[in-house]
Amino acid sequence: MDQAKLIAERIARRVSDGPTPERQTRGDSDLVSELAAMRASLGELQNRLVQIEAKVSSGHVQTSNIPQAPRTHSPWLGGINQANLHPSQERFGVEEATVSELVDFFQSEKTCSVEPGGKPCDHCAMCSSRGF
């Protein structure tokens, strides 16, 4: 974690300093060596991350010996409440868009002139047969 902090600080300093003529004339060899060093440190960080994930997943298996209630879902809600295994599988705004579309539909639907209570028209043709 310290290496990541050092790399972030170094990048922040470089960005805040801006380009200088001395840096531009150093040549490509300095840039190549610095990129190689960053790639090596990123590789080390990735290896550490793999080790941490392995420890977490093995620790999770040990604590899961406690019996848990099975997950149940309504067949009408299919995958809405399904837990995602990875953050990249999350879907944003789909439920809100569906709900707002339904609300807009029911608000814009004309009310039935035959039924009392302001119910929406279900297109039963009663009003046309009665001459409304």
C-alpha atoms as a PDB file:
ATOM      1  CA  MET A   1       0.000   0.000   0.000  1.00  0.00           C
ATOM      2  CA  ASP A   2       2.946   2.319   0.662  1.00  0.00           C
ATOM      3  CA  GLN A   3       4.217   1.857  -2.887  1.00  0.00           C
ATOM      4  CA  ALA A   4       0.858   2.846  -4.310  1.00  0.00           C
ATOM      5  CA  LYS A   5       0.860   5.959  -2.151  1.00  0.00           C
ATOM      6  CA  LEU A   6       4.375   6.868  -3.315  1.00  0.00           C
ATOM      7  CA  ILE A   7       3.409   6.394  -6.960  1.00  0.00           C
ATOM      8  CA  ALA A   8       0.272   8.498  -6.499  1.00  0.00           C
ATOM      9  CA  GLU A   9       2.258  11.282  -4.818  1.00  0.00           C
ATOM     10  CA  ARG A  10       4.875  11.219  -7.575  1.00  0.00           C
ATOM     11  CA  ILE A  11       2.204  11.440 -10.266  1.00  0.00           C
ATOM     12  CA  ALA A  12       0.457  14.268  -8.408  1.00  0.00           C
ATOM     13  CA  ARG A  13       3.731  16.207  -8.162  1.00  0.00           C
ATOM     14  CA  ARG A  14       4.419  15.730 -11.867  1.00  0.00           C
ATOM     15  CA  VAL A  15       0.958  16.878 -12.852  1.00  0.00           C
ATOM     16  CA  SER A  16       1.026  19.911 -10.563  1.00  0.00           C
ATOM     17  CA  ASP A  17       4.534  20.962 -11.682  1.00  0.00           C
ATOM     18  CA  GLY A  18       3.649  20.933 -15.369  1.00  0.00           C
ATOM     19  CA  PRO A  19       6.127  20.370 -18.208  1.00  0.00           C
ATOM     20  CA  THR A  20       9.587  21.887 -17.851  1.00  0.00           C
ATOM     21  CA  PRO A  21      12.191  22.299 -20.611  1.00  0.00           C
ATOM     22  CA  GLU A  22      14.656  20.125 -18.675  1.00  0.00           C
ATOM     23  CA  ARG A  23      12.180  17.236 -18.585  1.00  0.00           C
ATOM     24  CA  GLN A  24      11.497  17.521 -22.277  1.00  0.00           C
ATOM     25  CA  THR A  25      15.213  17.303 -23.170  1.00  0.00           C
ATOM     26  CA  ARG A  26      16.087  14.335 -20.948  1.00  0.00           C
ATOM     27  CA  GLY A  27      15.218  11.863 -23.646  1.00  0.00           C
ATOM     28  CA  ASP A  28      13.131   8.784 -24.033  1.00  0.00           C
ATOM     29  CA  SER A  29      15.409   6.545 -21.959  1.00  0.00           C
ATOM     30  CA  ASP A  30      14.375   8.220 -18.699  1.00  0.00           C
ATOM     31  CA  LEU A  31      10.706   7.895 -19.615  1.00  0.00           C
ATOM     32  CA  VAL A  32      11.112   4.247 -20.594  1.00  0.00           C
ATOM     33  CA  SER A  33      12.917   3.399 -17.358  1.00  0.00           C
ATOM     34  CA  GLU A  34      10.304   5.196 -15.278  1.00  0.00           C
ATOM     35  CA  LEU A  35       7.482   3.380 -17.079  1.00  0.00           C
ATOM     36  CA  ALA A  36       9.253   0.067 -16.508  1.00  0.00           C
ATOM     37  CA  ALA A  37       9.572   0.860 -12.801  1.00  0.00           C
ATOM     38  CA  MET A  38       5.889   1.757 -12.604  1.00  0.00           C
ATOM     39  CA  ARG A  39       4.910  -1.441 -14.407  1.00  0.00           C
ATOM     40  CA  ALA A  40       7.036  -3.481 -12.008  1.00  0.00           C
ATOM     41  CA  SER A  41       5.476  -1.835  -8.968  1.00  0.00           C
ATOM     42  CA  LEU A  42       2.003  -2.292 -10.454  1.00  0.00           C
ATOM     43  CA  GLY A  43       2.817  -5.967 -10.997  1.00  0.00           C
ATOM     44  CA  GLU A  44       3.829  -6.289  -7.351  1.00  0.00           C
ATOM     45  CA  LEU A  45       0.621  -4.577  -6.265  1.00  0.00           C
ATOM     46  CA  GLN A  46      -1.392  -6.911  -8.467  1.00  0.00           C
ATOM     47  CA  ASN A  47       0.327  -9.939  -6.919  1.00  0.00           C
ATOM     48  CA  ARG A  48      -0.466  -8.602  -3.439  1.00  0.00           C
ATOM     49  CA  LEU A  49      -4.074  -8.074  -4.456  1.00  0.00           C
ATOM     50  CA  VAL A  50      -4.312 -11.680  -5.651  1.00  0.00           C
ATOM     51  CA  GLN A  51      -2.907 -12.875  -2.313  1.00  0.00           C
ATOM     52  CA  ILE A  52      -5.354 -10.714  -0.351  1.00  0.00           C
ATOM     53  CA  GLU A  53      -8.294 -11.930  -2.450  1.00  0.00           C
ATOM     54  CA  ALA A  54      -7.205 -15.533  -1.885  1.00  0.00           C
ATOM     55  CA  LYS A  55      -7.054 -14.971   1.883  1.00  0.00           C
ATOM     56  CA  VAL A  56     -10.451 -13.275   1.923  1.00  0.00           C
ATOM     57  CA  SER A  57     -12.117 -15.962  -0.170  1.00  0.00           C
ATOM     58  CA  SER A  58     -10.582 -18.782   1.906  1.00  0.00           C
ATOM     59  CA  GLY A  59     -11.627 -17.001   5.119  1.00  0.00           C
ATOM     60  CA  HIS A  60     -15.137 -16.582   3.733  1.00  0.00           C
ATOM     61  CA  VAL A  61     -15.426 -20.323   3.065  1.00  0.00           C
ATOM     62  CA  GLN A  62     -14.469 -21.134   6.659  1.00  0.00           C
ATOM     63  CA  THR A  63     -17.130 -18.847   8.134  1.00  0.00           C
ATOM     64  CA  SER A  64     -19.863 -20.134   5.825  1.00  0.00           C
ATOM     65  CA  ASN A  65     -20.290 -23.391   7.791  1.00  0.00           C
ATOM     66  CA  ILE A  66     -23.215 -21.754   9.584  1.00  0.00           C
ATOM     67  CA  PRO A  67     -26.467 -22.911   7.949  1.00  0.00           C
ATOM     68  CA  GLN A  68     -28.209 -20.073   6.185  1.00  0.00           C
ATOM     69  CA  ALA A  69     -31.728 -19.773   4.872  1.00  0.00           C
ATOM     70  CA  PRO A  70     -31.929 -20.306   1.105  1.00  0.00           C
ATOM     71  CA  ARG A  71     -32.470 -17.221  -0.982  1.00  0.00           C
ATOM     72  CA  THR A  72     -35.903 -16.986  -2.498  1.00  0.00           C
ATOM     73  CA  HIS A  73     -37.099 -14.666  -5.204  1.00  0.00           C
ATOM     74  CA  SER A  74     -40.461 -13.910  -6.652  1.00  0.00           C
ATOM     75  CA  PRO A  75     -40.770 -15.447 -10.133  1.00  0.00           C
ATOM     76  CA  TRP A  76     -42.203 -12.142 -11.372  1.00  0.00           C
ATOM     77  CA  LEU A  77     -39.157 -10.167 -10.304  1.00  0.00           C
ATOM     78  CA  GLY A  78     -36.663 -12.475 -12.042  1.00  0.00           C
ATOM     79  CA  GLY A  79     -33.247 -10.883 -11.714  1.00  0.00           C
ATOM     80  CA  ILE A  80     -34.157  -7.583 -10.055  1.00  0.00           C
ATOM     81  CA  ASN A  81     -33.076  -8.522  -6.520  1.00  0.00           C
ATOM     82  CA  GLN A  82     -30.310 -10.859  -7.572  1.00  0.00           C
ATOM     83  CA  ALA A  83     -27.018 -10.268  -5.754  1.00  0.00           C
ATOM     84  CA  ASN A  84     -24.142  -9.509  -8.105  1.00  0.00           C
ATOM     85  CA  LEU A  85     -20.928 -11.437  -7.758  1.00  0.00           C
ATOM     86  CA  HIS A  86     -18.821  -8.612  -9.183  1.00  0.00           C
ATOM     87  CA  PRO A  87     -19.330  -4.823  -9.301  1.00  0.00           C
ATOM     88  CA  SER A  88     -19.103  -4.855 -13.100  1.00  0.00           C
ATOM     89  CA  GLN A  89     -22.356  -6.844 -13.222  1.00  0.00           C
ATOM     90  CA  GLU A  90     -24.399  -4.107 -11.533  1.00  0.00           C
ATOM     91  CA  ARG A  91     -27.087  -2.413 -13.558  1.00  0.00           C
ATOM     92  CA  PHE A  92     -27.996   1.146 -12.717  1.00  0.00           C
ATOM     93  CA  GLY A  93     -31.266   2.949 -13.229  1.00  0.00           C
ATOM     94  CA  VAL A  94     -33.180   0.145 -14.954  1.00  0.00           C
ATOM     95  CA  GLU A  95     -35.765  -0.247 -12.196  1.00  0.00           C
ATOM     96  CA  GLU A  96     -36.199   3.508 -11.779  1.00  0.00           C
ATOM     97  CA  ALA A  97     -36.694   3.971 -15.515  1.00  0.00           C
ATOM     98  CA  THR A  98     -39.277   1.196 -15.636  1.00  0.00           C
ATOM     99  CA  VAL A  99     -41.203   2.578 -12.676  1.00  0.00           C
ATOM    100  CA  SER A 100     -41.172   6.138 -14.013  1.00  0.00           C
ATOM    101  CA  GLU A 101     -42.346   4.885 -17.417  1.00  0.00           C
ATOM    102  CA  LEU A 102     -45.270   3.051 -15.802  1.00  0.00           C
ATOM    103  CA  VAL A 103     -46.191   6.092 -13.696  1.00  0.00           C
ATOM    104  CA  ASP A 104     -46.107   8.331 -16.771  1.00  0.00           C
ATOM    105  CA  PHE A 105     -48.297   5.858 -18.663  1.00  0.00           C
ATOM    106  CA  PHE A 106     -50.958   5.708 -15.944  1.00  0.00           C
ATOM    107  CA  GLN A 107     -50.915   9.467 -15.410  1.00  0.00           C
ATOM    108  CA  SER A 108     -51.372  10.182 -19.115  1.00  0.00           C
ATOM    109  CA  GLU A 109     -54.097   7.521 -19.585  1.00  0.00           C
ATOM    110  CA  LYS A 110     -57.601   8.995 -19.881  1.00  0.00           C
ATOM    111  CA  THR A 111     -60.089   8.190 -17.151  1.00  0.00           C
ATOM    112  CA  CYS A 112     -63.138   6.051 -17.822  1.00  0.00           C
ATOM    113  CA  SER A 113     -66.330   8.070 -18.206  1.00  0.00           C
ATOM    114  CA  VAL A 114     -68.544   5.081 -17.305  1.00  0.00           C
ATOM    115  CA  GLU A 115     -66.772   3.759 -14.203  1.00  0.00           C
ATOM    116  CA  PRO A 116     -66.960   5.941 -11.087  1.00  0.00           C
ATOM    117  CA  GLY A 117     -63.825   6.736  -9.096  1.00  0.00           C
ATOM    118  CA  GLY A 118     -61.577   7.998 -11.864  1.00  0.00           C
ATOM    119  CA  LYS A 119     -60.272   4.600 -12.940  1.00  0.00           C
ATOM    120  CA  PRO A 120     -58.164   4.541 -16.111  1.00  0.00           C
ATOM    121  CA  CYS A 121     -59.863   3.538 -19.340  1.00  0.00           C
ATOM    122  CA  ASP A 122     -59.491  -0.174 -20.110  1.00  0.00           C
ATOM    123  CA  HIS A 123     -60.843   0.269 -23.662  1.00  0.00           C
ATOM    124  CA  CYS A 124     -63.940  -1.861 -23.088  1.00  0.00           C
ATOM    125  CA  ALA A 125     -65.996   0.201 -25.600  1.00  0.00           C
ATOM    126  CA  MET A 126     -68.849   0.726 -23.132  1.00  0.00           C
ATOM    127  CA  CYS A 127     -68.700   4.482 -23.640  1.00  0.00           C
ATOM    128  CA  SER A 128     -68.943   4.199 -27.423  1.00  0.00           C
ATOM    129  CA  SER A 129     -71.883   1.789 -27.190  1.00  0.00           C
ATOM    130  CA  ARG A 130     -73.702   4.183 -24.848  1.00  0.00           C
ATOM    131  CA  GLY A 131     -72.896   7.212 -26.953  1.00  0.00           C
ATOM    132  CA  PHE A 132     -70.365   8.971 -24.676  1.00  0.00           C
END
